[in-house]
Amino acid sequence: MNRHTPVAGRGNGGTVHREQARKCHAKHLRKADREALKVRWARIRRKRANTRDKQHIKRRTAARLEYRYRRDNTVRKKERKKERKKERKKERKKERKKERKKKRKEEMQSSQRHRRSTGACSQVKTLCRHHPQEPRWSPSRNRQCKITWSIWE
C-alpha cells in the first residue's frame, strides 16, 4: 500500500500517514495535553464509580427497608391469625357449653317424665326444685332434698 492510496470511507484523498495520525490522535498530541486528558478521564471514571456506589447504596437501603416492613407485616399477620384462632376457640367452647346445657335440660325433663309415670321410688335419682343442677338420691319416699331437706313434688 503506497502513500497515495485513497482511504476507504474518507472521500478520495488523504494519505495513509494522515489517516494514521487521525486514528491515534492522543499519541500525536503534545505531552501536556495527554496529561490533561488523563486527568479528565480519571475524573470521569471517579464520577461514574461514585454514582454507581450511590445507586447501589440506595438500592441496598431500599431493600433493607422493604425487608423490615415485610417482616413487620408478617409478624402482625401471624399475631392477627393467633388472635382469630383464640376467638374461634372461645366461640367453640361457648357452643359446646350451650349444647351440654341443652342436653342436660332435656335429660332432666325426660327423667322427670319417667318418674311421674312410674311413681316415686327411693332409688330414683331425683332433682330438687331449688337445686336442679344437683341430682340427689332421694333419702326416703317423701322425697326430700339433701341440701335443704325440703320436700318437693
N, C-alpha and C. Protein backbone atom coordinates (compact mmCIF):
# COMPACT_ATOMS: atom_id res chain seq x y z
N MET A 1 0.86 -1.19 0.00
CA MET A 1 0.00 0.00 0.00
C MET A 1 0.90 1.24 0.00
N ASN A 2 0.85 2.02 -1.08
CA ASN A 2 1.74 3.19 -1.10
C ASN A 2 1.08 4.41 -0.48
N ARG A 3 1.82 5.51 -0.42
CA ARG A 3 1.39 6.70 0.31
C ARG A 3 0.14 7.35 -0.26
N HIS A 4 -0.11 7.20 -1.53
CA HIS A 4 -1.18 7.99 -2.13
C HIS A 4 -2.45 7.19 -2.41
N THR A 5 -2.57 6.03 -1.79
CA THR A 5 -3.79 5.26 -1.99
C THR A 5 -4.94 5.94 -1.25
N PRO A 6 -6.08 6.15 -1.91
CA PRO A 6 -7.22 6.73 -1.19
C PRO A 6 -7.69 5.78 -0.07
N VAL A 7 -8.12 6.35 1.05
CA VAL A 7 -8.54 5.55 2.20
C VAL A 7 -10.05 5.34 2.13
N ALA A 8 -10.49 4.13 2.39
CA ALA A 8 -11.91 3.81 2.28
C ALA A 8 -12.72 4.67 3.23
N GLY A 9 -13.81 5.20 2.74
CA GLY A 9 -14.72 5.97 3.58
C GLY A 9 -14.25 7.36 3.87
N ARG A 10 -13.19 7.85 3.24
CA ARG A 10 -12.68 9.20 3.51
C ARG A 10 -12.69 10.03 2.23
N GLY A 11 -13.66 9.88 1.46
CA GLY A 11 -13.66 10.60 0.18
C GLY A 11 -12.63 9.96 -0.74
N ASN A 12 -11.96 10.81 -1.52
CA ASN A 12 -10.99 10.22 -2.44
C ASN A 12 -9.57 10.65 -2.16
N GLY A 13 -9.32 11.24 -1.02
CA GLY A 13 -7.96 11.76 -0.81
C GLY A 13 -7.40 11.35 0.53
N GLY A 14 -6.34 12.00 0.95
CA GLY A 14 -5.73 11.73 2.23
C GLY A 14 -4.70 10.65 2.13
N THR A 15 -3.61 10.82 2.86
CA THR A 15 -2.57 9.80 2.81
C THR A 15 -2.75 8.86 3.98
N VAL A 16 -2.09 7.75 3.88
CA VAL A 16 -2.14 6.77 4.96
C VAL A 16 -1.59 7.40 6.23
N HIS A 17 -0.53 8.18 6.07
CA HIS A 17 0.11 8.80 7.23
C HIS A 17 -0.89 9.67 7.98
N ARG A 18 -1.62 10.50 7.20
CA ARG A 18 -2.57 11.40 7.84
C ARG A 18 -3.69 10.61 8.54
N GLU A 19 -4.15 9.56 7.89
CA GLU A 19 -5.20 8.71 8.46
C GLU A 19 -4.74 8.09 9.78
N GLN A 20 -3.48 7.62 9.75
CA GLN A 20 -2.90 7.02 10.95
C GLN A 20 -2.89 8.04 12.09
N ALA A 21 -2.48 9.24 11.73
CA ALA A 21 -2.39 10.31 12.73
C ALA A 21 -3.78 10.59 13.31
N ARG A 22 -4.78 10.57 12.44
CA ARG A 22 -6.13 10.85 12.89
C ARG A 22 -6.61 9.76 13.85
N LYS A 23 -6.27 8.51 13.54
CA LYS A 23 -6.69 7.39 14.38
C LYS A 23 -6.08 7.49 15.77
N CYS A 24 -4.80 7.77 15.82
CA CYS A 24 -4.10 7.77 17.11
C CYS A 24 -3.83 9.20 17.53
N HIS A 25 -4.87 10.04 17.53
CA HIS A 25 -4.63 11.46 17.78
C HIS A 25 -4.07 11.70 19.18
N ALA A 26 -4.46 10.89 20.15
CA ALA A 26 -3.95 11.11 21.50
C ALA A 26 -2.44 10.96 21.54
N LYS A 27 -1.92 10.04 20.75
CA LYS A 27 -0.47 9.83 20.72
C LYS A 27 0.25 11.05 20.17
N HIS A 28 -0.37 11.69 19.18
CA HIS A 28 0.31 12.79 18.49
C HIS A 28 0.07 14.14 19.14
N LEU A 29 -0.75 14.17 20.20
CA LEU A 29 -0.92 15.44 20.92
C LEU A 29 0.35 15.72 21.72
N ARG A 30 0.45 16.98 22.15
CA ARG A 30 1.61 17.28 22.99
C ARG A 30 1.44 16.58 24.33
N LYS A 31 2.58 16.38 24.99
CA LYS A 31 2.55 15.58 26.22
C LYS A 31 1.63 16.22 27.27
N ALA A 32 1.66 17.53 27.38
CA ALA A 32 0.84 18.24 28.37
C ALA A 32 -0.64 17.94 28.13
N ASP A 33 -1.02 17.98 26.86
CA ASP A 33 -2.43 17.70 26.54
C ASP A 33 -2.80 16.28 26.95
N ARG A 34 -1.85 15.38 26.72
CA ARG A 34 -2.12 13.98 27.11
C ARG A 34 -2.38 13.88 28.62
N GLU A 35 -1.56 14.59 29.39
CA GLU A 35 -1.72 14.58 30.86
C GLU A 35 -3.11 15.12 31.24
N ALA A 36 -3.46 16.23 30.59
CA ALA A 36 -4.76 16.85 30.88
C ALA A 36 -5.89 15.86 30.59
N LEU A 37 -5.75 15.17 29.45
CA LEU A 37 -6.77 14.19 29.09
C LEU A 37 -6.86 13.09 30.14
N LYS A 38 -5.70 12.62 30.57
CA LYS A 38 -5.67 11.55 31.58
C LYS A 38 -6.44 11.99 32.83
N VAL A 39 -6.14 13.22 33.25
CA VAL A 39 -6.80 13.75 34.46
C VAL A 39 -8.31 13.77 34.25
N ARG A 40 -8.69 14.28 33.06
CA ARG A 40 -10.12 14.40 32.78
C ARG A 40 -10.80 13.03 32.81
N TRP A 41 -10.15 12.07 32.14
CA TRP A 41 -10.72 10.72 32.10
C TRP A 41 -10.83 10.11 33.50
N ALA A 42 -9.78 10.37 34.31
CA ALA A 42 -9.78 9.84 35.68
C ALA A 42 -10.97 10.41 36.45
N ARG A 43 -11.19 11.75 36.25
CA ARG A 43 -12.30 12.41 36.94
C ARG A 43 -13.64 11.78 36.52
N ILE A 44 -13.75 11.57 35.21
CA ILE A 44 -15.00 10.96 34.70
C ILE A 44 -15.19 9.58 35.30
N ARG A 45 -14.11 8.81 35.33
CA ARG A 45 -14.19 7.45 35.90
C ARG A 45 -14.65 7.48 37.35
N ARG A 46 -14.03 8.42 38.11
CA ARG A 46 -14.38 8.53 39.53
C ARG A 46 -15.86 8.88 39.71
N LYS A 47 -16.30 9.84 38.88
CA LYS A 47 -17.69 10.28 38.96
C LYS A 47 -18.63 9.10 38.70
N ARG A 48 -18.30 8.35 37.65
CA ARG A 48 -19.14 7.20 37.32
C ARG A 48 -19.18 6.21 38.48
N ALA A 49 -17.99 5.95 39.05
CA ALA A 49 -17.90 5.00 40.16
C ALA A 49 -18.76 5.48 41.33
N ASN A 50 -18.68 6.80 41.60
CA ASN A 50 -19.46 7.37 42.70
C ASN A 50 -20.95 7.18 42.48
N THR A 51 -21.38 7.51 41.25
CA THR A 51 -22.83 7.37 41.00
C THR A 51 -23.23 5.92 41.15
N ARG A 52 -22.36 5.02 40.68
CA ARG A 52 -22.67 3.60 40.82
C ARG A 52 -22.83 3.23 42.29
N ASP A 53 -21.85 3.70 43.09
CA ASP A 53 -21.90 3.41 44.53
C ASP A 53 -23.19 3.95 45.15
N LYS A 54 -23.50 5.20 44.78
CA LYS A 54 -24.70 5.83 45.36
C LYS A 54 -25.94 5.01 45.03
N GLN A 55 -26.03 4.64 43.75
CA GLN A 55 -27.20 3.86 43.34
C GLN A 55 -27.26 2.55 44.12
N HIS A 56 -26.08 1.95 44.26
CA HIS A 56 -26.01 0.67 44.97
C HIS A 56 -26.50 0.83 46.41
N ILE A 57 -25.99 1.90 47.05
CA ILE A 57 -26.37 2.16 48.45
C ILE A 57 -27.88 2.39 48.53
N LYS A 58 -28.38 3.20 47.59
CA LYS A 58 -29.83 3.47 47.57
C LYS A 58 -30.61 2.17 47.48
N ARG A 59 -30.17 1.35 46.53
CA ARG A 59 -30.88 0.08 46.33
C ARG A 59 -30.83 -0.76 47.59
N ARG A 60 -29.63 -0.79 48.20
CA ARG A 60 -29.47 -1.61 49.40
C ARG A 60 -30.38 -1.14 50.52
N THR A 61 -30.39 0.19 50.75
CA THR A 61 -31.22 0.70 51.84
C THR A 61 -32.69 0.43 51.55
N ALA A 62 -33.07 0.62 50.29
CA ALA A 62 -34.46 0.37 49.91
C ALA A 62 -34.82 -1.09 50.21
N ALA A 63 -33.90 -1.97 49.83
CA ALA A 63 -34.15 -3.40 50.04
C ALA A 63 -34.29 -3.70 51.53
N ARG A 64 -33.40 -3.05 52.33
CA ARG A 64 -33.43 -3.30 53.77
C ARG A 64 -34.76 -2.84 54.36
N LEU A 65 -35.17 -1.62 53.96
CA LEU A 65 -36.44 -1.09 54.46
C LEU A 65 -37.59 -2.00 54.07
N GLU A 66 -37.56 -2.40 52.80
CA GLU A 66 -38.64 -3.25 52.31
C GLU A 66 -38.70 -4.54 53.13
N TYR A 67 -37.52 -5.10 53.40
CA TYR A 67 -37.45 -6.35 54.17
C TYR A 67 -38.05 -6.13 55.55
N ARG A 68 -37.67 -4.97 56.16
CA ARG A 68 -38.16 -4.70 57.51
C ARG A 68 -39.68 -4.59 57.53
N TYR A 69 -40.20 -3.80 56.56
CA TYR A 69 -41.65 -3.63 56.51
C TYR A 69 -42.33 -4.97 56.29
N ARG A 70 -41.75 -5.76 55.38
CA ARG A 70 -42.36 -7.04 55.06
C ARG A 70 -42.38 -7.92 56.30
N ARG A 71 -41.24 -7.91 57.03
CA ARG A 71 -41.14 -8.75 58.23
C ARG A 71 -42.17 -8.30 59.28
N ASP A 72 -42.23 -6.96 59.48
CA ASP A 72 -43.21 -6.44 60.44
C ASP A 72 -44.62 -6.87 60.07
N ASN A 73 -44.90 -6.76 58.77
CA ASN A 73 -46.24 -7.14 58.31
C ASN A 73 -46.51 -8.60 58.58
N THR A 74 -45.50 -9.45 58.31
CA THR A 74 -45.73 -10.89 58.52
C THR A 74 -45.95 -11.16 60.00
N VAL A 75 -45.17 -10.48 60.84
CA VAL A 75 -45.32 -10.67 62.29
C VAL A 75 -46.74 -10.28 62.71
N ARG A 76 -47.17 -9.09 62.21
CA ARG A 76 -48.52 -8.63 62.55
C ARG A 76 -49.57 -9.61 62.07
N LYS A 77 -49.34 -10.11 60.85
CA LYS A 77 -50.29 -11.06 60.25
C LYS A 77 -50.41 -12.30 61.14
N LYS A 78 -49.24 -12.81 61.58
CA LYS A 78 -49.24 -14.00 62.43
C LYS A 78 -49.99 -13.74 63.73
N GLU A 79 -49.73 -12.55 64.32
CA GLU A 79 -50.42 -12.22 65.57
C GLU A 79 -51.93 -12.18 65.37
N ARG A 80 -52.35 -11.54 64.25
CA ARG A 80 -53.79 -11.48 63.96
C ARG A 80 -54.36 -12.88 63.83
N LYS A 81 -53.59 -13.75 63.15
CA LYS A 81 -54.04 -15.13 62.95
C LYS A 81 -54.24 -15.81 64.31
N LYS A 82 -53.25 -15.63 65.21
CA LYS A 82 -53.35 -16.22 66.55
C LYS A 82 -54.60 -15.72 67.26
N GLU A 83 -54.81 -14.38 67.18
CA GLU A 83 -55.98 -13.79 67.83
C GLU A 83 -57.27 -14.44 67.32
N ARG A 84 -57.34 -14.53 65.98
CA ARG A 84 -58.54 -15.12 65.38
C ARG A 84 -58.75 -16.54 65.87
N LYS A 85 -57.63 -17.29 65.96
CA LYS A 85 -57.70 -18.68 66.41
C LYS A 85 -58.27 -18.73 67.83
N LYS A 86 -57.75 -17.85 68.70
CA LYS A 86 -58.23 -17.80 70.08
C LYS A 86 -59.73 -17.52 70.12
N GLU A 87 -60.13 -16.52 69.31
CA GLU A 87 -61.55 -16.15 69.27
C GLU A 87 -62.41 -17.35 68.87
N ARG A 88 -61.96 -18.03 67.81
CA ARG A 88 -62.71 -19.20 67.34
C ARG A 88 -62.82 -20.26 68.42
N LYS A 89 -61.69 -20.46 69.14
CA LYS A 89 -61.67 -21.45 70.22
C LYS A 89 -62.71 -21.09 71.28
N LYS A 90 -62.73 -19.80 71.66
CA LYS A 90 -63.70 -19.34 72.66
C LYS A 90 -65.12 -19.60 72.20
N GLU A 91 -65.35 -19.25 70.93
CA GLU A 91 -66.70 -19.44 70.37
C GLU A 91 -67.11 -20.91 70.45
N ARG A 92 -66.18 -21.78 70.02
CA ARG A 92 -66.48 -23.21 70.05
C ARG A 92 -66.78 -23.68 71.47
N LYS A 93 -65.99 -23.18 72.42
CA LYS A 93 -66.19 -23.55 73.82
C LYS A 93 -67.61 -23.16 74.27
N LYS A 94 -67.99 -21.93 73.93
CA LYS A 94 -69.33 -21.44 74.29
C LYS A 94 -70.40 -22.35 73.70
N GLU A 95 -70.20 -22.66 72.42
CA GLU A 95 -71.18 -23.51 71.72
C GLU A 95 -71.33 -24.85 72.43
N ARG A 96 -70.17 -25.45 72.74
CA ARG A 96 -70.20 -26.76 73.42
C ARG A 96 -70.92 -26.67 74.76
N LYS A 97 -70.64 -25.58 75.48
CA LYS A 97 -71.28 -25.39 76.78
C LYS A 97 -72.80 -25.33 76.62
N LYS A 98 -73.23 -24.55 75.62
CA LYS A 98 -74.67 -24.43 75.35
C LYS A 98 -75.27 -25.79 75.05
N GLU A 99 -74.56 -26.53 74.20
CA GLU A 99 -75.05 -27.86 73.80
C GLU A 99 -75.22 -28.76 75.03
N ARG A 100 -74.18 -28.76 75.88
CA ARG A 100 -74.22 -29.59 77.09
C ARG A 100 -75.41 -29.21 77.97
N LYS A 101 -75.59 -27.90 78.12
CA LYS A 101 -76.67 -27.40 78.96
C LYS A 101 -78.02 -27.89 78.42
N LYS A 102 -78.16 -27.75 77.12
CA LYS A 102 -79.40 -28.17 76.45
C LYS A 102 -79.65 -29.66 76.69
N LYS A 103 -78.60 -30.44 76.48
CA LYS A 103 -78.70 -31.89 76.63
C LYS A 103 -79.12 -32.25 78.05
N ARG A 104 -78.46 -31.60 79.02
CA ARG A 104 -78.75 -31.89 80.43
C ARG A 104 -80.21 -31.57 80.75
N LYS A 105 -80.64 -30.41 80.23
CA LYS A 105 -82.02 -29.98 80.48
C LYS A 105 -82.99 -31.03 79.93
N GLU A 106 -82.69 -31.45 78.70
CA GLU A 106 -83.54 -32.44 78.05
C GLU A 106 -83.59 -33.73 78.88
N GLU A 107 -82.43 -34.17 79.31
CA GLU A 107 -82.34 -35.40 80.11
C GLU A 107 -83.17 -35.27 81.38
N MET A 108 -83.01 -34.11 82.03
CA MET A 108 -83.75 -33.88 83.27
C MET A 108 -85.25 -34.01 83.04
N GLN A 109 -85.69 -33.31 81.99
CA GLN A 109 -87.13 -33.34 81.70
C GLN A 109 -87.61 -34.76 81.44
N SER A 110 -86.82 -35.49 80.65
CA SER A 110 -87.23 -36.86 80.32
C SER A 110 -87.25 -37.72 81.59
N SER A 111 -86.26 -37.55 82.46
CA SER A 111 -86.22 -38.36 83.69
C SER A 111 -87.40 -38.02 84.59
N GLN A 112 -87.75 -36.73 84.66
CA GLN A 112 -88.90 -36.34 85.48
C GLN A 112 -90.18 -36.97 84.93
N ARG A 113 -90.30 -36.92 83.60
CA ARG A 113 -91.47 -37.52 82.96
C ARG A 113 -91.55 -39.00 83.32
N HIS A 114 -90.39 -39.63 83.24
CA HIS A 114 -90.31 -41.06 83.53
C HIS A 114 -90.74 -41.33 84.98
N ARG A 115 -90.25 -40.50 85.91
CA ARG A 115 -90.56 -40.66 87.33
C ARG A 115 -92.06 -40.51 87.58
N ARG A 116 -92.61 -39.47 86.92
CA ARG A 116 -94.04 -39.22 87.11
C ARG A 116 -94.87 -40.43 86.65
N SER A 117 -94.39 -41.00 85.56
CA SER A 117 -95.18 -42.12 85.01
C SER A 117 -95.01 -43.38 85.85
N THR A 118 -93.86 -43.59 86.44
CA THR A 118 -93.61 -44.84 87.16
C THR A 118 -93.97 -44.75 88.63
N GLY A 119 -94.04 -43.53 89.15
CA GLY A 119 -94.30 -43.39 90.57
C GLY A 119 -92.99 -43.26 91.32
N ALA A 120 -93.04 -42.58 92.47
CA ALA A 120 -91.81 -42.27 93.19
C ALA A 120 -91.22 -43.51 93.83
N CYS A 121 -89.92 -43.54 93.84
CA CYS A 121 -89.22 -44.67 94.46
C CYS A 121 -87.98 -44.11 95.10
N SER A 122 -87.57 -44.68 96.20
CA SER A 122 -86.41 -44.14 96.90
C SER A 122 -85.13 -44.32 96.09
N GLN A 123 -85.16 -45.25 95.13
CA GLN A 123 -83.95 -45.47 94.35
C GLN A 123 -83.90 -44.64 93.06
N VAL A 124 -84.93 -43.82 92.83
CA VAL A 124 -84.92 -42.98 91.61
C VAL A 124 -84.01 -41.79 91.88
N LYS A 125 -83.20 -41.46 90.90
CA LYS A 125 -82.32 -40.31 91.06
C LYS A 125 -83.19 -39.07 90.86
N THR A 126 -83.33 -38.27 91.90
CA THR A 126 -84.27 -37.16 91.82
C THR A 126 -83.54 -35.84 91.81
N LEU A 127 -84.28 -34.82 91.40
CA LEU A 127 -83.69 -33.49 91.33
C LEU A 127 -84.52 -32.53 92.16
N CYS A 128 -83.86 -31.72 92.93
CA CYS A 128 -84.55 -30.78 93.79
C CYS A 128 -84.94 -29.54 92.99
N ARG A 129 -86.08 -28.99 93.32
CA ARG A 129 -86.54 -27.78 92.64
C ARG A 129 -85.56 -26.64 92.83
N HIS A 130 -85.02 -26.53 94.03
CA HIS A 130 -84.15 -25.41 94.37
C HIS A 130 -82.73 -25.61 93.86
N HIS A 131 -82.37 -26.85 93.66
CA HIS A 131 -81.01 -27.12 93.18
C HIS A 131 -81.07 -28.08 92.01
N PRO A 132 -81.59 -27.61 90.88
CA PRO A 132 -81.77 -28.55 89.77
C PRO A 132 -80.44 -29.06 89.23
N GLN A 133 -79.37 -28.35 89.51
CA GLN A 133 -78.09 -28.82 88.98
C GLN A 133 -77.48 -29.90 89.86
N GLU A 134 -78.11 -30.16 91.00
CA GLU A 134 -77.56 -31.15 91.92
C GLU A 134 -78.48 -32.36 92.00
N PRO A 135 -78.30 -33.37 91.18
CA PRO A 135 -79.15 -34.56 91.32
C PRO A 135 -78.80 -35.28 92.62
N ARG A 136 -79.82 -35.69 93.33
CA ARG A 136 -79.58 -36.34 94.63
C ARG A 136 -80.38 -37.64 94.68
N TRP A 137 -79.86 -38.59 95.42
CA TRP A 137 -80.70 -39.77 95.70
C TRP A 137 -81.69 -39.36 96.75
N SER A 138 -82.92 -39.65 96.49
CA SER A 138 -83.95 -39.27 97.44
C SER A 138 -83.75 -40.12 98.70
N PRO A 139 -83.67 -39.50 99.89
CA PRO A 139 -83.37 -40.27 101.10
C PRO A 139 -84.53 -41.18 101.51
N SER A 140 -85.73 -40.79 101.13
CA SER A 140 -86.87 -41.64 101.52
C SER A 140 -88.01 -41.42 100.54
N ARG A 141 -89.15 -42.06 100.86
CA ARG A 141 -90.27 -41.93 99.94
C ARG A 141 -90.83 -40.51 99.91
N ASN A 142 -90.59 -39.75 100.98
CA ASN A 142 -91.14 -38.39 100.97
C ASN A 142 -90.29 -37.40 100.14
N ARG A 143 -89.29 -37.91 99.50
CA ARG A 143 -88.50 -37.16 98.52
C ARG A 143 -88.04 -35.80 99.04
N GLN A 144 -87.12 -35.83 99.99
CA GLN A 144 -86.55 -34.58 100.48
C GLN A 144 -85.25 -34.29 99.72
N CYS A 145 -84.95 -32.99 99.64
CA CYS A 145 -83.68 -32.60 99.04
C CYS A 145 -82.61 -32.71 100.10
N LYS A 146 -81.48 -33.28 99.76
CA LYS A 146 -80.43 -33.49 100.77
C LYS A 146 -79.78 -32.19 101.18
N ILE A 147 -79.97 -31.13 100.37
CA ILE A 147 -79.33 -29.87 100.73
C ILE A 147 -80.24 -29.09 101.66
N THR A 148 -81.48 -28.88 101.25
CA THR A 148 -82.38 -28.05 102.05
C THR A 148 -83.32 -28.89 102.90
N TRP A 149 -83.36 -30.18 102.63
CA TRP A 149 -84.28 -31.10 103.30
C TRP A 149 -85.73 -30.67 103.12
N SER A 150 -85.95 -29.97 102.03
CA SER A 150 -87.34 -29.57 101.79
C SER A 150 -87.99 -30.62 100.91
N ILE A 151 -89.25 -30.87 101.16
CA ILE A 151 -89.97 -31.86 100.35
C ILE A 151 -90.38 -31.19 99.06
N TRP A 152 -90.15 -31.87 97.97
CA TRP A 152 -90.56 -31.29 96.68
C TRP A 152 -91.48 -32.24 95.98
N GLU A 153 -92.25 -31.69 95.05
CA GLU A 153 -93.22 -32.52 94.37
C GLU A 153 -92.79 -32.84 92.95
